[in-house]
């Protein structure tokens, strides 16, 4: 997958809290204590994100975008 963001970190999903519209996904990152991202529940379901998954966090401006291989 190609993307425009240049900053990325490898992280592990530590929690997923979802309602009908939005989800809060928290990640454990090696170089920092923890980061979080708010994304649509549809995206969380589509990516099949769950606790323990390893993802890359793509950081662009104020957004933290998880990318799962």
Protein backbone atom coordinates (compact mmCIF):
# COMPACT_ATOMS: atom_id res chain seq x y z
CA UNK A 1 0.00 0.00 0.00
CA UNK A 2 1.33 3.46 -0.87
CA UNK A 3 0.49 6.56 1.16
CA UNK A 4 1.64 10.17 1.45
CA UNK A 5 2.42 10.22 5.18
CA UNK A 6 6.15 10.06 5.93
CA UNK A 7 6.03 9.53 9.70
CA UNK A 8 5.13 6.04 10.86
CA UNK A 9 5.50 3.97 14.02
CA UNK A 10 4.93 0.27 14.66
CA UNK A 11 2.37 -0.25 17.41
CA UNK A 12 0.14 -2.88 19.05
CA UNK A 13 -3.59 -2.38 19.58
CA UNK A 14 -4.28 -2.32 23.34
CA UNK A 15 -8.02 -1.54 23.39
CA UNK A 16 -10.99 -0.93 21.11
CA UNK A 17 -14.14 0.88 22.34
CA UNK A 18 -16.93 1.16 19.77
CA UNK A 19 -20.44 2.51 19.47
CA UNK A 20 -22.63 2.60 16.37
CA UNK A 21 -20.76 5.45 14.68
CA UNK A 22 -17.25 5.97 16.13
CA UNK A 23 -14.51 3.88 17.74
CA UNK A 24 -11.58 4.78 20.02
CA UNK A 25 -8.57 2.56 19.38
CA UNK A 26 -5.55 2.76 21.71
CA UNK A 27 -2.06 1.57 20.76
CA UNK A 28 1.16 0.69 22.61
CA UNK A 29 4.08 2.29 20.77
CA UNK A 30 7.72 1.36 21.29
CA UNK A 31 9.12 4.92 21.34
CA UNK A 32 6.32 6.60 23.29
CA UNK A 33 4.06 5.40 26.10
CA UNK A 34 0.72 5.29 24.27
CA UNK A 35 -1.19 6.88 21.40
CA UNK A 36 -4.87 6.81 20.42
CA UNK A 37 -6.94 7.32 17.30
CA UNK A 38 -10.63 8.03 16.83
CA UNK A 39 -12.05 6.49 13.67
CA UNK A 40 -15.39 5.28 12.38
CA UNK A 41 -16.64 1.96 13.68
CA UNK A 42 -17.10 0.93 10.03
CA UNK A 43 -13.32 1.36 9.55
CA UNK A 44 -12.52 -0.67 12.70
CA UNK A 45 -14.80 -3.48 11.52
CA UNK A 46 -13.47 -3.30 7.96
CA UNK A 47 -9.86 -3.55 9.16
CA UNK A 48 -10.81 -6.24 11.68
CA UNK A 49 -8.83 -4.39 14.38
CA UNK A 50 -8.60 -6.20 17.68
CA UNK A 51 -6.47 -6.10 20.81
CA UNK A 52 -3.03 -7.58 20.13
CA UNK A 53 -2.92 -6.69 16.40
CA UNK A 54 0.32 -5.12 15.20
CA UNK A 55 -0.26 -2.06 13.02
CA UNK A 56 1.74 0.85 11.63
CA UNK A 57 0.59 4.29 12.77
CA UNK A 58 0.79 6.81 9.95
CA UNK A 59 1.02 10.31 11.37
CA UNK A 60 0.11 13.28 9.22
CA UNK A 61 -0.83 16.68 10.71
CA UNK A 62 -3.17 15.97 13.64
CA UNK A 63 -4.31 12.56 12.42
CA UNK A 64 -3.07 9.13 13.56
CA UNK A 65 -4.07 6.60 10.90
CA UNK A 66 -3.62 2.86 11.59
CA UNK A 67 -2.57 0.69 8.63
CA UNK A 68 -2.90 -3.08 8.92
CA UNK A 69 -1.11 -5.32 6.40
